[in-house]
């Protein structure tokens, strides 16, 4: 159960960093790091929540991961 909390905090941290990168920097290569980090941590959260049969939380992480990455793909 502790790993779930650590993954949730990691997703919040990575999400905040991705938002700050998108709003302040929008670097040529820093967006790759931000998107990769969001996808990795978001996928880990989805897998853990599916494993514990928390379907709504897993779907929320899928939606949040797509929403955090959507701005980068619209800009491209």
N, C-alpha and C. Protein backbone atom coordinates (compact mmCIF):
# COMPACT_ATOMS: atom_id res chain seq x y z
N UNK A 1 0.82 -1.19 0.00
CA UNK A 1 0.00 0.00 0.00
C UNK A 1 0.86 1.26 0.00
N UNK A 2 2.05 1.16 0.58
CA UNK A 2 2.92 2.33 0.62
C UNK A 2 3.42 2.70 -0.77
N UNK A 3 3.60 1.70 -1.63
CA UNK A 3 4.09 2.00 -2.98
C UNK A 3 3.07 2.81 -3.77
N UNK A 4 1.79 2.61 -3.48
CA UNK A 4 0.75 3.38 -4.16
C UNK A 4 0.89 4.87 -3.80
N UNK A 5 1.12 5.15 -2.54
CA UNK A 5 1.27 6.54 -2.11
C UNK A 5 2.50 7.19 -2.74
N UNK A 6 3.61 6.45 -2.80
CA UNK A 6 4.82 6.99 -3.42
C UNK A 6 4.60 7.27 -4.90
N UNK A 7 3.88 6.37 -5.58
CA UNK A 7 3.60 6.59 -7.01
C UNK A 7 2.66 7.77 -7.21
N UNK A 8 1.71 7.96 -6.32
CA UNK A 8 0.81 9.10 -6.43
C UNK A 8 1.56 10.41 -6.24
N UNK A 9 2.45 10.45 -5.26
CA UNK A 9 3.25 11.65 -5.03
C UNK A 9 4.19 11.89 -6.20
N UNK A 10 4.76 10.81 -6.74
CA UNK A 10 5.65 10.94 -7.90
C UNK A 10 4.88 11.49 -9.10
N UNK A 11 3.64 11.06 -9.30
CA UNK A 11 2.83 11.56 -10.41
C UNK A 11 2.52 13.05 -10.23
N UNK A 12 2.20 13.44 -9.01
CA UNK A 12 1.96 14.85 -8.74
C UNK A 12 3.20 15.69 -9.00
N UNK A 13 4.36 15.21 -8.55
CA UNK A 13 5.61 15.92 -8.75
C UNK A 13 5.95 16.04 -10.23
N UNK A 14 5.86 14.94 -10.95
CA UNK A 14 6.17 14.95 -12.38
C UNK A 14 5.16 15.81 -13.14
N UNK A 15 3.90 15.75 -12.74
CA UNK A 15 2.88 16.57 -13.39
C UNK A 15 3.12 18.05 -13.21
N UNK A 16 3.49 18.44 -12.00
CA UNK A 16 3.79 19.86 -11.74
C UNK A 16 5.00 20.30 -12.55
N UNK A 17 6.03 19.46 -12.59
CA UNK A 17 7.21 19.80 -13.39
C UNK A 17 6.87 19.91 -14.88
N UNK A 18 6.00 19.03 -15.36
CA UNK A 18 5.60 19.09 -16.77
C UNK A 18 4.82 20.37 -17.08
N UNK A 19 3.94 20.76 -16.16
CA UNK A 19 3.18 21.99 -16.36
C UNK A 19 4.11 23.20 -16.34
N UNK A 20 5.05 23.22 -15.39
CA UNK A 20 5.99 24.32 -15.33
C UNK A 20 6.87 24.37 -16.57
N UNK A 21 7.29 23.22 -17.06
CA UNK A 21 8.11 23.18 -18.28
C UNK A 21 7.31 23.70 -19.47
N UNK A 22 6.06 23.32 -19.55
CA UNK A 22 5.23 23.75 -20.69
C UNK A 22 4.94 25.24 -20.64
N UNK A 23 4.70 25.77 -19.45
CA UNK A 23 4.33 27.18 -19.36
C UNK A 23 5.53 28.12 -19.36
N UNK A 24 6.66 27.67 -18.82
CA UNK A 24 7.79 28.57 -18.67
C UNK A 24 8.92 28.35 -19.68
N UNK A 25 9.24 27.11 -19.98
CA UNK A 25 10.44 26.84 -20.78
C UNK A 25 10.11 26.51 -22.23
N UNK A 26 9.30 25.48 -22.44
CA UNK A 26 9.00 24.94 -23.77
C UNK A 26 10.26 24.74 -24.59
N UNK A 27 11.20 24.03 -24.00
CA UNK A 27 12.48 23.80 -24.65
C UNK A 27 12.40 22.81 -25.79
N UNK A 28 13.43 22.84 -26.62
CA UNK A 28 13.45 21.98 -27.78
C UNK A 28 13.56 20.51 -27.38
N UNK A 29 14.30 20.22 -26.33
CA UNK A 29 14.49 18.84 -25.92
C UNK A 29 13.94 18.54 -24.53
N UNK A 30 13.66 19.56 -23.74
CA UNK A 30 13.16 19.31 -22.39
C UNK A 30 11.74 18.75 -22.41
N UNK A 31 11.00 18.99 -23.47
CA UNK A 31 9.64 18.44 -23.53
C UNK A 31 9.68 16.92 -23.64
N UNK A 32 10.73 16.38 -24.27
CA UNK A 32 10.85 14.92 -24.37
C UNK A 32 10.99 14.29 -22.99
N UNK A 33 11.79 14.92 -22.14
CA UNK A 33 11.98 14.42 -20.79
C UNK A 33 10.67 14.51 -20.00
N UNK A 34 9.98 15.63 -20.14
CA UNK A 34 8.72 15.82 -19.41
C UNK A 34 7.66 14.81 -19.85
N UNK A 35 7.51 14.63 -21.15
CA UNK A 35 6.50 13.69 -21.66
C UNK A 35 6.85 12.26 -21.28
N UNK A 36 8.12 11.90 -21.40
CA UNK A 36 8.54 10.55 -21.03
C UNK A 36 8.30 10.28 -19.55
N UNK A 37 8.61 11.26 -18.70
CA UNK A 37 8.41 11.08 -17.26
C UNK A 37 6.93 10.94 -16.93
N UNK A 38 6.09 11.75 -17.56
CA UNK A 38 4.65 11.68 -17.31
C UNK A 38 4.11 10.33 -17.77
N UNK A 39 4.54 9.86 -18.93
CA UNK A 39 4.04 8.59 -19.44
C UNK A 39 4.50 7.42 -18.57
N UNK A 40 5.76 7.44 -18.13
CA UNK A 40 6.27 6.33 -17.31
C UNK A 40 5.57 6.29 -15.96
N UNK A 41 5.52 7.41 -15.27
CA UNK A 41 4.91 7.42 -13.93
C UNK A 41 3.39 7.21 -14.04
N UNK A 42 2.76 7.78 -15.05
CA UNK A 42 1.33 7.55 -15.25
C UNK A 42 1.02 6.10 -15.54
N UNK A 43 1.84 5.46 -16.37
CA UNK A 43 1.63 4.04 -16.69
C UNK A 43 1.82 3.16 -15.45
N UNK A 44 2.81 3.47 -14.64
CA UNK A 44 3.01 2.71 -13.41
C UNK A 44 1.81 2.85 -12.47
N UNK A 45 1.25 4.04 -12.38
CA UNK A 45 0.06 4.24 -11.56
C UNK A 45 -1.13 3.48 -12.11
N UNK A 46 -1.29 3.47 -13.42
CA UNK A 46 -2.40 2.73 -14.04
C UNK A 46 -2.26 1.24 -13.76
N UNK A 47 -1.05 0.71 -13.92
CA UNK A 47 -0.82 -0.72 -13.69
C UNK A 47 -1.11 -1.10 -12.24
N UNK A 48 -0.61 -0.29 -11.31
CA UNK A 48 -0.83 -0.59 -9.89
C UNK A 48 -2.31 -0.50 -9.54
N UNK A 49 -3.00 0.49 -10.08
CA UNK A 49 -4.43 0.61 -9.77
C UNK A 49 -5.26 -0.49 -10.41
N UNK A 50 -4.89 -0.94 -11.60
CA UNK A 50 -5.58 -2.09 -12.19
C UNK A 50 -5.31 -3.35 -11.37
N UNK A 51 -4.08 -3.47 -10.86
CA UNK A 51 -3.73 -4.63 -10.05
C UNK A 51 -4.56 -4.69 -8.77
N UNK A 52 -4.83 -3.54 -8.17
CA UNK A 52 -5.62 -3.47 -6.94
C UNK A 52 -7.11 -3.29 -7.22
N UNK A 53 -7.49 -3.42 -8.49
CA UNK A 53 -8.90 -3.35 -8.91
C UNK A 53 -9.56 -2.02 -8.55
N UNK A 54 -8.80 -0.95 -8.68
CA UNK A 54 -9.34 0.39 -8.50
C UNK A 54 -9.50 1.01 -9.89
N UNK A 55 -10.59 0.66 -10.54
CA UNK A 55 -10.79 0.99 -11.95
C UNK A 55 -10.92 2.49 -12.17
N UNK A 56 -11.66 3.17 -11.31
CA UNK A 56 -11.87 4.60 -11.52
C UNK A 56 -10.57 5.39 -11.35
N UNK A 57 -9.74 5.00 -10.40
CA UNK A 57 -8.46 5.68 -10.24
C UNK A 57 -7.56 5.43 -11.44
N UNK A 58 -7.59 4.21 -11.96
CA UNK A 58 -6.78 3.89 -13.14
C UNK A 58 -7.24 4.72 -14.33
N UNK A 59 -8.54 4.84 -14.52
CA UNK A 59 -9.05 5.65 -15.63
C UNK A 59 -8.73 7.12 -15.44
N UNK A 60 -8.74 7.58 -14.20
CA UNK A 60 -8.37 8.97 -13.91
C UNK A 60 -6.90 9.23 -14.25
N UNK A 61 -6.03 8.27 -13.95
CA UNK A 61 -4.62 8.42 -14.30
C UNK A 61 -4.41 8.38 -15.81
N UNK A 62 -5.18 7.58 -16.51
CA UNK A 62 -5.09 7.58 -17.97
C UNK A 62 -5.49 8.94 -18.53
N UNK A 63 -6.60 9.47 -18.04
CA UNK A 63 -7.07 10.77 -18.49
C UNK A 63 -6.08 11.88 -18.14
N UNK A 64 -5.54 11.84 -16.94
CA UNK A 64 -4.57 12.87 -16.53
C UNK A 64 -3.28 12.79 -17.34
N UNK A 65 -2.82 11.59 -17.63
CA UNK A 65 -1.61 11.42 -18.43
C UNK A 65 -1.81 11.96 -19.83
N UNK A 66 -2.94 11.65 -20.43
CA UNK A 66 -3.23 12.18 -21.76
C UNK A 66 -3.36 13.69 -21.72
N UNK A 67 -4.01 14.22 -20.70
CA UNK A 67 -4.18 15.67 -20.60
C UNK A 67 -2.86 16.39 -20.42
N UNK A 68 -1.94 15.82 -19.64
CA UNK A 68 -0.64 16.46 -19.44
C UNK A 68 0.21 16.44 -20.70
N UNK A 69 0.05 15.41 -21.52
CA UNK A 69 0.85 15.30 -22.76
C UNK A 69 0.19 15.97 -23.95
N UNK A 70 -1.09 16.26 -23.86
CA UNK A 70 -1.84 16.79 -24.99
C UNK A 70 -1.32 18.13 -25.48
N UNK A 71 -0.93 19.01 -24.60
CA UNK A 71 -0.44 20.32 -25.00
C UNK A 71 0.81 20.23 -25.84
N UNK A 72 1.68 19.29 -25.51
CA UNK A 72 2.92 19.14 -26.28
C UNK A 72 2.64 18.69 -27.71
N UNK A 73 1.68 17.78 -27.86
CA UNK A 73 1.40 17.27 -29.20
C UNK A 73 0.60 18.25 -30.04
N UNK A 74 -0.15 19.14 -29.42
CA UNK A 74 -0.85 20.19 -30.17
C UNK A 74 0.13 21.21 -30.69
N UNK A 75 1.16 21.53 -29.88
CA UNK A 75 2.16 22.51 -30.28
C UNK A 75 3.00 21.99 -31.45
N UNK A 76 3.26 20.70 -31.48
CA UNK A 76 4.08 20.13 -32.54
C UNK A 76 3.35 20.28 -33.82
